[in-house]
Amino acid sequence: VKTSLSLSWLIFTRCLATLSIAYFTALTIPVNQMVVIMK
């Protein structure tokens, strides 16, 4: 249906964006720098 199509596309793009951000964080910020941020 039209509503499920638009909602699924929104959820898909949002998940893709958040996943990309998560990989950006994991691949560019090592754990010692993570500790600095958390402090």
Full PDB file with SEQRES, HELIX, SHEET, SSBOND, CRYST1, ORIGX, SCALE, CONECT and MASTER records, all heavy atoms in Angstrom:
SEQRES   1 A   39  VAL LYS THR SER LEU SER LEU SER TRP LEU ILE PHE THR          
SEQRES   2 A   39  ARG CYS LEU ALA THR LEU SER ILE ALA TYR PHE THR ALA          
SEQRES   3 A   39  LEU THR ILE PRO VAL ASN GLN MET VAL VAL ILE MET LYS          
HELIX    1 AA1 LYS A    2  THR A   28  1                                  27    
HELIX    2 AA2 VAL A   31  MET A   38  1                                   8    
CRYST1    1.000    1.000    1.000  90.00  90.00  90.00 P 1           1          
ORIGX1      1.000000  0.000000  0.000000        0.00000                         
ORIGX2      0.000000  1.000000  0.000000        0.00000                         
ORIGX3      0.000000  0.000000  1.000000        0.00000                         
SCALE1      1.000000  0.000000  0.000000        0.00000                         
SCALE2      0.000000  1.000000  0.000000        0.00000                         
SCALE3      0.000000  0.000000  1.000000        0.00000                         
ATOM      1  N   VAL A   1       0.850  -1.189   0.000  1.00  0.00           N  
ATOM      2  CA  VAL A   1       0.000   0.000   0.000  1.00  0.00           C  
ATOM      3  C   VAL A   1       0.888   1.243   0.000  1.00  0.00           C  
ATOM      4  O   VAL A   1       2.078   1.169   0.344  1.00  0.00           O  
ATOM      5  CB  VAL A   1      -0.953   0.023   1.217  1.00  0.00           C  
ATOM      6  CG1 VAL A   1      -1.915  -1.156   1.162  1.00  0.00           C  
ATOM      7  CG2 VAL A   1      -0.180   0.025   2.515  1.00  0.00           C  
ATOM      8  N   LYS A   2       0.314   2.378  -0.350  1.00  0.00           N  
ATOM      9  CA  LYS A   2       1.101   3.604  -0.490  1.00  0.00           C  
ATOM     10  C   LYS A   2       1.731   4.034   0.834  1.00  0.00           C  
ATOM     11  O   LYS A   2       2.888   4.449   0.883  1.00  0.00           O  
ATOM     12  CB  LYS A   2       0.208   4.722  -1.031  1.00  0.00           C  
ATOM     13  CG  LYS A   2       0.963   6.001  -1.357  1.00  0.00           C  
ATOM     14  CD  LYS A   2       0.057   7.049  -1.979  1.00  0.00           C  
ATOM     15  CE  LYS A   2       0.842   8.314  -2.300  1.00  0.00           C  
ATOM     16  NZ  LYS A   2      -0.026   9.350  -2.909  1.00  0.00           N  
ATOM     17  N   THR A   3       0.973   3.923   1.923  1.00  0.00           N  
ATOM     18  CA  THR A   3       1.483   4.357   3.227  1.00  0.00           C  
ATOM     19  C   THR A   3       2.663   3.486   3.681  1.00  0.00           C  
ATOM     20  O   THR A   3       3.659   3.989   4.199  1.00  0.00           O  
ATOM     21  CB  THR A   3       0.371   4.309   4.285  1.00  0.00           C  
ATOM     22  OG1 THR A   3      -0.230   3.007   4.280  1.00  0.00           O  
ATOM     23  CG2 THR A   3      -0.692   5.353   3.993  1.00  0.00           C  
ATOM     24  N   SER A   4       2.542   2.171   3.482  1.00  0.00           N  
ATOM     25  CA  SER A   4       3.633   1.283   3.895  1.00  0.00           C  
ATOM     26  C   SER A   4       4.870   1.486   3.025  1.00  0.00           C  
ATOM     27  O   SER A   4       6.005   1.346   3.501  1.00  0.00           O  
ATOM     28  CB  SER A   4       3.183  -0.179   3.833  1.00  0.00           C  
ATOM     29  OG  SER A   4       2.928  -0.574   2.497  1.00  0.00           O  
ATOM     30  N   LEU A   5       4.673   1.853   1.764  1.00  0.00           N  
ATOM     31  CA  LEU A   5       5.791   2.104   0.860  1.00  0.00           C  
ATOM     32  C   LEU A   5       6.590   3.319   1.310  1.00  0.00           C  
ATOM     33  O   LEU A   5       7.826   3.278   1.390  1.00  0.00           O  
ATOM     34  CB  LEU A   5       5.282   2.297  -0.562  1.00  0.00           C  
ATOM     35  CG  LEU A   5       6.340   2.478  -1.655  1.00  0.00           C  
ATOM     36  CD1 LEU A   5       7.209   1.238  -1.774  1.00  0.00           C  
ATOM     37  CD2 LEU A   5       5.675   2.797  -2.994  1.00  0.00           C  
ATOM     38  N   SER A   6       5.884   4.411   1.608  1.00  0.00           N  
ATOM     39  CA  SER A   6       6.563   5.636   2.036  1.00  0.00           C  
ATOM     40  C   SER A   6       7.224   5.456   3.402  1.00  0.00           C  
ATOM     41  O   SER A   6       8.341   5.930   3.634  1.00  0.00           O  
ATOM     42  CB  SER A   6       5.578   6.806   2.073  1.00  0.00           C  
ATOM     43  OG  SER A   6       4.487   6.510   2.940  1.00  0.00           O  
ATOM     44  N   LEU A   7       6.541   4.746   4.328  1.00  0.00           N  
ATOM     45  CA  LEU A   7       7.095   4.520   5.658  1.00  0.00           C  
ATOM     46  C   LEU A   7       8.330   3.615   5.592  1.00  0.00           C  
ATOM     47  O   LEU A   7       9.335   3.875   6.267  1.00  0.00           O  
ATOM     48  CB  LEU A   7       6.034   3.893   6.567  1.00  0.00           C  
ATOM     49  CG  LEU A   7       6.463   3.575   8.001  1.00  0.00           C  
ATOM     50  CD1 LEU A   7       6.874   4.843   8.729  1.00  0.00           C  
ATOM     51  CD2 LEU A   7       5.358   2.848   8.755  1.00  0.00           C  
ATOM     52  N   SER A   8       8.270   2.575   4.779  1.00  0.00           N  
ATOM     53  CA  SER A   8       9.405   1.654   4.645  1.00  0.00           C  
ATOM     54  C   SER A   8      10.615   2.359   4.053  1.00  0.00           C  
ATOM     55  O   SER A   8      11.753   2.128   4.484  1.00  0.00           O  
ATOM     56  CB  SER A   8       9.010   0.462   3.764  1.00  0.00           C  
ATOM     57  OG  SER A   8       7.954  -0.264   4.335  1.00  0.00           O  
ATOM     58  N   TRP A   9      10.387   3.212   3.066  1.00  0.00           N  
ATOM     59  CA  TRP A   9      11.483   3.958   2.454  1.00  0.00           C  
ATOM     60  C   TRP A   9      12.129   4.911   3.456  1.00  0.00           C  
ATOM     61  O   TRP A   9      13.360   5.028   3.524  1.00  0.00           O  
ATOM     62  CB  TRP A   9      10.974   4.728   1.241  1.00  0.00           C  
ATOM     63  CG  TRP A   9      11.988   5.618   0.593  1.00  0.00           C  
ATOM     64  CD1 TRP A   9      11.958   6.975   0.500  1.00  0.00           C  
ATOM     65  CD2 TRP A   9      13.210   5.224  -0.048  1.00  0.00           C  
ATOM     66  NE1 TRP A   9      13.065   7.458  -0.157  1.00  0.00           N  
ATOM     67  CE2 TRP A   9      13.853   6.390  -0.508  1.00  0.00           C  
ATOM     68  CE3 TRP A   9      13.818   3.987  -0.272  1.00  0.00           C  
ATOM     69  CZ2 TRP A   9      15.066   6.364  -1.166  1.00  0.00           C  
ATOM     70  CZ3 TRP A   9      15.040   3.969  -0.933  1.00  0.00           C  
ATOM     71  CH2 TRP A   9      15.645   5.146  -1.380  1.00  0.00           C  
ATOM     72  N   LEU A  10      11.298   5.571   4.288  1.00  0.00           N  
ATOM     73  CA  LEU A  10      11.820   6.477   5.302  1.00  0.00           C  
ATOM     74  C   LEU A  10      12.668   5.725   6.333  1.00  0.00           C  
ATOM     75  O   LEU A  10      13.767   6.163   6.693  1.00  0.00           O  
ATOM     76  CB  LEU A  10      10.655   7.200   6.002  1.00  0.00           C  
ATOM     77  CG  LEU A  10      11.032   8.118   7.169  1.00  0.00           C  
ATOM     78  CD1 LEU A  10      11.909   9.269   6.687  1.00  0.00           C  
ATOM     79  CD2 LEU A  10       9.780   8.653   7.862  1.00  0.00           C  
ATOM     80  N   ILE A  11      12.160   4.588   6.789  1.00  0.00           N  
ATOM     81  CA  ILE A  11      12.895   3.793   7.771  1.00  0.00           C  
ATOM     82  C   ILE A  11      14.200   3.266   7.175  1.00  0.00           C  
ATOM     83  O   ILE A  11      15.242   3.254   7.833  1.00  0.00           O  
ATOM     84  CB  ILE A  11      12.018   2.630   8.286  1.00  0.00           C  
ATOM     85  CG1 ILE A  11      10.846   3.182   9.087  1.00  0.00           C  
ATOM     86  CG2 ILE A  11      12.836   1.664   9.141  1.00  0.00           C  
ATOM     87  CD1 ILE A  11       9.840   2.130   9.502  1.00  0.00           C  
ATOM     88  N   PHE A  12      14.143   2.839   5.916  1.00  0.00           N  
ATOM     89  CA  PHE A  12      15.335   2.318   5.248  1.00  0.00           C  
ATOM     90  C   PHE A  12      16.425   3.381   5.143  1.00  0.00           C  
ATOM     91  O   PHE A  12      17.596   3.131   5.479  1.00  0.00           O  
ATOM     92  CB  PHE A  12      14.965   1.806   3.857  1.00  0.00           C  
ATOM     93  CG  PHE A  12      16.147   1.360   3.047  1.00  0.00           C  
ATOM     94  CD1 PHE A  12      16.734   0.128   3.279  1.00  0.00           C  
ATOM     95  CD2 PHE A  12      16.665   2.174   2.049  1.00  0.00           C  
ATOM     96  CE1 PHE A  12      17.833  -0.291   2.538  1.00  0.00           C  
ATOM     97  CE2 PHE A  12      17.757   1.765   1.297  1.00  0.00           C  
ATOM     98  CZ  PHE A  12      18.337   0.533   1.546  1.00  0.00           C  
ATOM     99  N   THR A  13      16.064   4.579   4.682  1.00  0.00           N  
ATOM    100  CA  THR A  13      17.058   5.644   4.522  1.00  0.00           C  
ATOM    101  C   THR A  13      17.594   6.102   5.878  1.00  0.00           C  
ATOM    102  O   THR A  13      18.788   6.399   6.004  1.00  0.00           O  
ATOM    103  CB  THR A  13      16.461   6.839   3.765  1.00  0.00           C  
ATOM    104  OG1 THR A  13      15.268   7.294   4.439  1.00  0.00           O  
ATOM    105  CG2 THR A  13      16.112   6.448   2.330  1.00  0.00           C  
ATOM    106  N   ARG A  14      16.731   6.143   6.894  1.00  0.00           N  
ATOM    107  CA  ARG A  14      17.180   6.551   8.232  1.00  0.00           C  
ATOM    108  C   ARG A  14      18.165   5.521   8.802  1.00  0.00           C  
ATOM    109  O   ARG A  14      19.184   5.895   9.379  1.00  0.00           O  
ATOM    110  CB  ARG A  14      15.988   6.731   9.161  1.00  0.00           C  
ATOM    111  CG  ARG A  14      16.367   7.010  10.615  1.00  0.00           C  
ATOM    112  CD  ARG A  14      15.158   7.433  11.418  1.00  0.00           C  
ATOM    113  NE  ARG A  14      14.775   8.796  11.114  1.00  0.00           N  
ATOM    114  CZ  ARG A  14      13.560   9.287  11.335  1.00  0.00           C  
ATOM    115  NH1 ARG A  14      12.604   8.517  11.818  1.00  0.00           N  
ATOM    116  NH2 ARG A  14      13.301  10.556  11.067  1.00  0.00           N  
ATOM    117  N   CYS A  15      17.834   4.249   8.658  1.00  0.00           N  
ATOM    118  CA  CYS A  15      18.736   3.193   9.139  1.00  0.00           C  
ATOM    119  C   CYS A  15      20.064   3.231   8.397  1.00  0.00           C  
ATOM    120  O   CYS A  15      21.131   3.020   8.985  1.00  0.00           O  
ATOM    121  CB  CYS A  15      18.082   1.823   8.975  1.00  0.00           C  
ATOM    122  SG  CYS A  15      16.720   1.516  10.111  1.00  0.00           S  
ATOM    123  N   LEU A  16      20.012   3.492   7.096  1.00  0.00           N  
ATOM    124  CA  LEU A  16      21.230   3.573   6.294  1.00  0.00           C  
ATOM    125  C   LEU A  16      22.107   4.735   6.766  1.00  0.00           C  
ATOM    126  O   LEU A  16      23.333   4.595   6.864  1.00  0.00           O  
ATOM    127  CB  LEU A  16      20.859   3.759   4.819  1.00  0.00           C  
ATOM    128  CG  LEU A  16      21.986   3.593   3.791  1.00  0.00           C  
ATOM    129  CD1 LEU A  16      22.521   2.164   3.827  1.00  0.00           C  
ATOM    130  CD2 LEU A  16      21.464   3.927   2.391  1.00  0.00           C  
ATOM    131  N   ALA A  17      21.470   5.865   7.073  1.00  0.00           N  
ATOM    132  CA  ALA A  17      22.224   7.029   7.550  1.00  0.00           C  
ATOM    133  C   ALA A  17      22.853   6.759   8.911  1.00  0.00           C  
ATOM    134  O   ALA A  17      24.039   7.039   9.120  1.00  0.00           O  
ATOM    135  CB  ALA A  17      21.292   8.238   7.633  1.00  0.00           C  
ATOM    136  N   THR A  18      22.091   6.200   9.839  1.00  0.00           N  
ATOM    137  CA  THR A  18      22.621   5.935  11.183  1.00  0.00           C  
ATOM    138  C   THR A  18      23.710   4.861  11.149  1.00  0.00           C  
ATOM    139  O   THR A  18      24.687   4.931  11.900  1.00  0.00           O  
ATOM    140  CB  THR A  18      21.502   5.508  12.139  1.00  0.00           C  
ATOM    141  OG1 THR A  18      20.759   4.421  11.569  1.00  0.00           O  
ATOM    142  CG2 THR A  18      20.533   6.658  12.384  1.00  0.00           C  
ATOM    143  N   LEU A  19      23.556   3.876  10.266  1.00  0.00           N  
ATOM    144  CA  LEU A  19      24.577   2.845  10.123  1.00  0.00           C  
ATOM    145  C   LEU A  19      25.869   3.434   9.571  1.00  0.00           C  
ATOM    146  O   LEU A  19      26.973   3.084  10.024  1.00  0.00           O  
ATOM    147  CB  LEU A  19      24.057   1.736   9.212  1.00  0.00           C  
ATOM    148  CG  LEU A  19      24.916   0.476   9.074  1.00  0.00           C  
ATOM    149  CD1 LEU A  19      25.092  -0.197  10.433  1.00  0.00           C  
ATOM    150  CD2 LEU A  19      24.272  -0.504   8.093  1.00  0.00           C  
ATOM    151  N   SER A  20      25.749   4.338   8.625  1.00  0.00           N  
ATOM    152  CA  SER A  20      26.935   5.008   8.066  1.00  0.00           C  
ATOM    153  C   SER A  20      27.638   5.848   9.126  1.00  0.00           C  
ATOM    154  O   SER A  20      28.869   5.887   9.183  1.00  0.00           O  
ATOM    155  CB  SER A  20      26.525   5.887   6.884  1.00  0.00           C  
ATOM    156  OG  SER A  20      25.919   5.130   5.860  1.00  0.00           O  
ATOM    157  N   ILE A  21      26.853   6.513   9.973  1.00  0.00           N  
ATOM    158  CA  ILE A  21      27.432   7.310  11.060  1.00  0.00           C  
ATOM    159  C   ILE A  21      28.150   6.399  12.058  1.00  0.00           C  
ATOM    160  O   ILE A  21      29.235   6.718  12.559  1.00  0.00           O  
ATOM    161  CB  ILE A  21      26.338   8.133  11.757  1.00  0.00           C  
ATOM    162  CG1 ILE A  21      25.750   9.170  10.790  1.00  0.00           C  
ATOM    163  CG2 ILE A  21      26.889   8.832  13.003  1.00  0.00           C  
ATOM    164  CD1 ILE A  21      24.468   9.812  11.290  1.00  0.00           C  
ATOM    165  N   ALA A  22      27.537   5.254  12.355  1.00  0.00           N  
ATOM    166  CA  ALA A  22      28.152   4.295  13.281  1.00  0.00           C  
ATOM    167  C   ALA A  22      29.487   3.796  12.747  1.00  0.00           C  
ATOM    168  O   ALA A  22      30.475   3.698  13.497  1.00  0.00           O  
ATOM    169  CB  ALA A  22      27.201   3.123  13.519  1.00  0.00           C  
ATOM    170  N   TYR A  23      29.554   3.503  11.442  1.00  0.00           N  
ATOM    171  CA  TYR A  23      30.810   3.047  10.847  1.00  0.00           C  
ATOM    172  C   TYR A  23      31.833   4.168  10.761  1.00  0.00           C  
ATOM    173  O   TYR A  23      33.038   3.921  10.883  1.00  0.00           O  
ATOM    174  CB  TYR A  23      30.548   2.441   9.477  1.00  0.00           C  
ATOM    175  CG  TYR A  23      30.026   1.026   9.542  1.00  0.00           C  
ATOM    176  CD1 TYR A  23      28.997   0.598   8.713  1.00  0.00           C  
ATOM    177  CD2 TYR A  23      30.548   0.104  10.438  1.00  0.00           C  
ATOM    178  CE1 TYR A  23      28.507  -0.696   8.776  1.00  0.00           C  
ATOM    179  CE2 TYR A  23      30.072  -1.187  10.512  1.00  0.00           C  
ATOM    180  CZ  TYR A  23      29.048  -1.578   9.682  1.00  0.00           C  
ATOM    181  OH  TYR A  23      28.567  -2.859   9.755  1.00  0.00           O  
ATOM    182  N   PHE A  24      31.368   5.382  10.537  1.00  0.00           N  
ATOM    183  CA  PHE A  24      32.292   6.528  10.567  1.00  0.00           C  
ATOM    184  C   PHE A  24      32.948   6.627  11.938  1.00  0.00           C  
ATOM    185  O   PHE A  24      34.173   6.805  12.054  1.00  0.00           O  
ATOM    186  CB  PHE A  24      31.539   7.824  10.250  1.00  0.00           C  
ATOM    187  CG  PHE A  24      32.324   9.071  10.556  1.00  0.00           C  
ATOM    188  CD1 PHE A  24      33.259   9.556   9.657  1.00  0.00           C  
ATOM    189  CD2 PHE A  24      32.140   9.743  11.761  1.00  0.00           C  
ATOM    190  CE1 PHE A  24      34.004  10.694   9.947  1.00  0.00           C  
ATOM    191  CE2 PHE A  24      32.871  10.882  12.057  1.00  0.00           C  
ATOM    192  CZ  PHE A  24      33.801  11.359  11.148  1.00  0.00           C  
ATOM    193  N   THR A  25      32.139   6.467  12.990  1.00  0.00           N  
ATOM    194  CA  THR A  25      32.656   6.544  14.358  1.00  0.00           C  
ATOM    195  C   THR A  25      33.621   5.395  14.651  1.00  0.00           C  
ATOM    196  O   THR A  25      34.711   5.600  15.194  1.00  0.00           O  
ATOM    197  CB  THR A  25      31.493   6.509  15.366  1.00  0.00           C  
ATOM    198  OG1 THR A  25      30.570   7.562  15.065  1.00  0.00           O  
ATOM    199  CG2 THR A  25      31.997   6.681  16.789  1.00  0.00           C  
ATOM    200  N   ALA A  26      33.218   4.179  14.280  1.00  0.00           N  
ATOM    201  CA  ALA A  26      34.031   2.999  14.585  1.00  0.00           C  
ATOM    202  C   ALA A  26      35.337   2.958  13.799  1.00  0.00           C  
ATOM    203  O   ALA A  26      36.351   2.463  14.299  1.00  0.00           O  
ATOM    204  CB  ALA A  26      33.214   1.737  14.319  1.00  0.00           C  
ATOM    205  N   LEU A  27      35.317   3.477  12.574  1.00  0.00           N  
ATOM    206  CA  LEU A  27      36.485   3.381  11.701  1.00  0.00           C  
ATOM    207  C   LEU A  27      37.445   4.561  11.812  1.00  0.00           C  
ATOM    208  O   LEU A  27      38.586   4.471  11.344  1.00  0.00           O  
ATOM    209  CB  LEU A  27      36.035   3.243  10.242  1.00  0.00           C  
ATOM    210  CG  LEU A  27      35.347   1.924   9.867  1.00  0.00           C  
ATOM    211  CD1 LEU A  27      34.721   2.029   8.489  1.00  0.00           C  
ATOM    212  CD2 LEU A  27      36.326   0.762   9.927  1.00  0.00           C  
ATOM    213  N   THR A  28      37.014   5.661  12.403  1.00  0.00           N  
ATOM    214  CA  THR A  28      37.877   6.843  12.473  1.00  0.00           C  
ATOM    215  C   THR A  28      38.220   7.266  13.903  1.00  0.00           C  
ATOM    216  O   THR A  28      39.125   8.088  14.092  1.00  0.00           O  
ATOM    217  CB  THR A  28      37.230   8.050  11.758  1.00  0.00           C  
ATOM    218  OG1 THR A  28      35.994   8.396  12.416  1.00  0.00           O  
ATOM    219  CG2 THR A  28      36.956   7.734  10.296  1.00  0.00           C  
ATOM    220  N   ILE A  29      37.511   6.713  14.904  1.00  0.00           N  
ATOM    221  CA  ILE A  29      37.781   7.094  16.294  1.00  0.00           C  
ATOM    222  C   ILE A  29      38.210   5.858  17.076  1.00  0.00           C  
ATOM    223  O   ILE A  29      37.364   5.037  17.455  1.00  0.00           O  
ATOM    224  CB  ILE A  29      36.544   7.736  16.961  1.00  0.00           C  
ATOM    225  CG1 ILE A  29      35.994   8.884  16.111  1.00  0.00           C  
ATOM    226  CG2 ILE A  29      36.905   8.245  18.353  1.00  0.00           C  
ATOM    227  CD1 ILE A  29      34.755   9.545  16.680  1.00  0.00           C  
ATOM    228  N   PRO A  30      39.506   5.669  17.322  1.00  0.00           N  
ATOM    229  CA  PRO A  30      39.969   4.512  18.111  1.00  0.00           C  
ATOM    230  C   PRO A  30      39.510   4.606  19.559  1.00  0.00           C  
ATOM    231  O   PRO A  30      39.076   5.667  20.023  1.00  0.00           O  
ATOM    232  CB  PRO A  30      41.491   4.577  17.982  1.00  0.00           C  
ATOM    233  CG  PRO A  30      41.790   5.991  17.628  1.00  0.00           C  
ATOM    234  CD  PRO A  30      40.617   6.497  16.856  1.00  0.00           C  
ATOM    235  N   VAL A  31      39.640   3.500  20.284  1.00  0.00           N  
ATOM    236  CA  VAL A  31      39.069   3.428  21.632  1.00  0.00           C  
ATOM    237  C   VAL A  31      39.724   4.420  22.588  1.00  0.00           C  
ATOM    238  O   VAL A  31      39.055   4.959  23.480  1.00  0.00           O  
ATOM    239  CB  VAL A  31      39.176   1.984  22.171  1.00  0.00           C  
ATOM    240  CG1 VAL A  31      40.625   1.585  22.414  1.00  0.00           C  
ATOM    241  CG2 VAL A  31      38.361   1.817  23.446  1.00  0.00           C  
ATOM    242  N   ASN A  32      41.030   4.703  22.432  1.00  0.00           N  
ATOM    243  CA  ASN A  32      41.671   5.663  23.333  1.00  0.00           C  
ATOM    244  C   ASN A  32      41.098   7.071  23.152  1.00  0.00           C  
ATOM    245  O   ASN A  32      40.971   7.838  24.117  1.00  0.00           O  
ATOM    246  CB  ASN A  32      43.190   5.665  23.120  1.00  0.00           C  
ATOM    247  CG  ASN A  32      43.591   6.025  21.710  1.00  0.00           C  
ATOM    248  OD1 ASN A  32      42.863   5.755  20.759  1.00  0.00           O  
ATOM    249  ND2 ASN A  32      44.751   6.633  21.547  1.00  0.00           N  
ATOM    250  N   GLN A  33      40.685   7.401  21.901  1.00  0.00           N  
ATOM    251  CA  GLN A  33      40.039   8.687  21.661  1.00  0.00           C  
ATOM    252  C   GLN A  33      38.589   8.668  22.140  1.00  0.00           C  
ATOM    253  O   GLN A  33      38.051   9.699  22.569  1.00  0.00           O  
ATOM    254  CB  GLN A  33      40.107   9.041  20.174  1.00  0.00           C  
ATOM    255  CG  GLN A  33      41.521   9.287  19.672  1.00  0.00           C  
ATOM    256  CD  GLN A  33      41.558   9.708  18.211  1.00  0.00           C  
ATOM    257  OE1 GLN A  33      40.526   9.844  17.545  1.00  0.00           O  
ATOM    258  NE2 GLN A  33      42.766   9.916  17.688  1.00  0.00           N  
ATOM    259  N   MET A  34      37.965   7.491  22.086  1.00  0.00           N  
ATOM    260  CA  MET A  34      36.614   7.345  22.632  1.00  0.00           C  
ATOM    261  C   MET A  34      36.605   7.668  24.125  1.00  0.00           C  
ATOM    262  O   MET A  34      35.672   8.292  24.642  1.00  0.00           O  
ATOM    263  CB  MET A  34      36.106   5.925  22.409  1.00  0.00           C  
ATOM    264  CG  MET A  34      35.747   5.597  20.979  1.00  0.00           C  
ATOM    265  SD  MET A  34      34.158   6.301  20.523  1.00  0.00           S  
ATOM    266  CE  MET A  34      33.905   5.441  18.966  1.00  0.00           C  
ATOM    267  N   VAL A  35      37.647   7.212  24.815  1.00  0.00           N  
ATOM    268  CA  VAL A  35      37.764   7.480  26.255  1.00  0.00           C  
ATOM    269  C   VAL A  35      37.854   8.983  26.510  1.00  0.00           C  
ATOM    270  O   VAL A  35      37.230   9.507  27.442  1.00  0.00           O  
ATOM    271  CB  VAL A  35      38.998   6.749  26.831  1.00  0.00           C  
ATOM    272  CG1 VAL A  35      39.247   7.176  28.271  1.00  0.00           C  
ATOM    273  CG2 VAL A  35      38.789   5.243  26.777  1.00  0.00           C  
ATOM    274  N   VAL A  36      38.621   9.685  25.673  1.00  0.00           N  
ATOM    275  CA  VAL A  36      38.740  11.146  25.800  1.00  0.00           C  
ATOM    276  C   VAL A  36      37.379  11.803  25.648  1.00  0.00           C  
ATOM    277  O   VAL A  36      37.007  12.700  26.434  1.00  0.00           O  
ATOM    278  CB  VAL A  36      39.730  11.704  24.754  1.00  0.00           C  
ATOM    279  CG1 VAL A  36      39.740  13.223  24.783  1.00  0.00           C  
ATOM    280  CG2 VAL A  36      41.127  11.165  24.998  1.00  0.00           C  
ATOM    281  N   ILE A  37      36.607  11.366  24.645  1.00  0.00           N  
ATOM    282  CA  ILE A  37      35.275  11.935  24.403  1.00  0.00           C  
ATOM    283  C   ILE A  37      34.348  11.653  25.582  1.00  0.00           C  
ATOM    284  O   ILE A  37      33.620  12.547  26.045  1.00  0.00           O  
ATOM    285  CB  ILE A  37      34.683  11.360  23.098  1.00  0.00           C  
ATOM    286  CG1 ILE A  37      35.509  11.818  21.896  1.00  0.00           C  
ATOM    287  CG2 ILE A  37      33.229  11.798  22.929  1.00  0.00           C  
ATOM    288  CD1 ILE A  37      35.134  11.147  20.593  1.00  0.00           C  
ATOM    289  N   MET A  38      34.372  10.414  26.086  1.00  0.00           N  
ATOM    290  CA  MET A  38      33.487  10.060  27.205  1.00  0.00           C  
ATOM    291  C   MET A  38      33.837  10.836  28.472  1.00  0.00           C  
ATOM    292  O   MET A  38      32.962  11.207  29.249  1.00  0.00           O  
ATOM    293  CB  MET A  38      33.551   8.546  27.452  1.00  0.00           C  
ATOM    294  CG  MET A  38      32.868   7.724  26.379  1.00  0.00           C  
ATOM    295  SD  MET A  38      32.766   5.952  26.754  1.00  0.00           S  
ATOM    296  CE  MET A  38      34.476   5.463  26.456  1.00  0.00           C  
ATOM    297  N   LYS A  39      35.134  11.085  28.679  1.00  0.00           N  
ATOM    298  CA  LYS A  39      35.540  11.879  29.829  1.00  0.00           C  
ATOM    299  C   LYS A  39      35.089  13.328  29.683  1.00  0.00           C  
ATOM    300  O   LYS A  39      34.691  13.966  30.671  1.00  0.00           O  
ATOM    301  CB  LYS A  39      37.057  11.805  30.002  1.00  0.00           C  
ATOM    302  CG  LYS A  39      37.548  10.489  30.582  1.00  0.00           C  
ATOM    303  CD  LYS A  39      39.047  10.509  30.822  1.00  0.00           C  
ATOM    304  CE  LYS A  39      39.513   9.230  31.500  1.00  0.00           C  
ATOM    305  NZ  LYS A  39      40.972   9.230  31.747  1.00  0.00           N  
TER     306      LYS A  39                                                      
MASTER        0    0    0    2    0    0    0    6  305    1    0    3          
END                                                                             
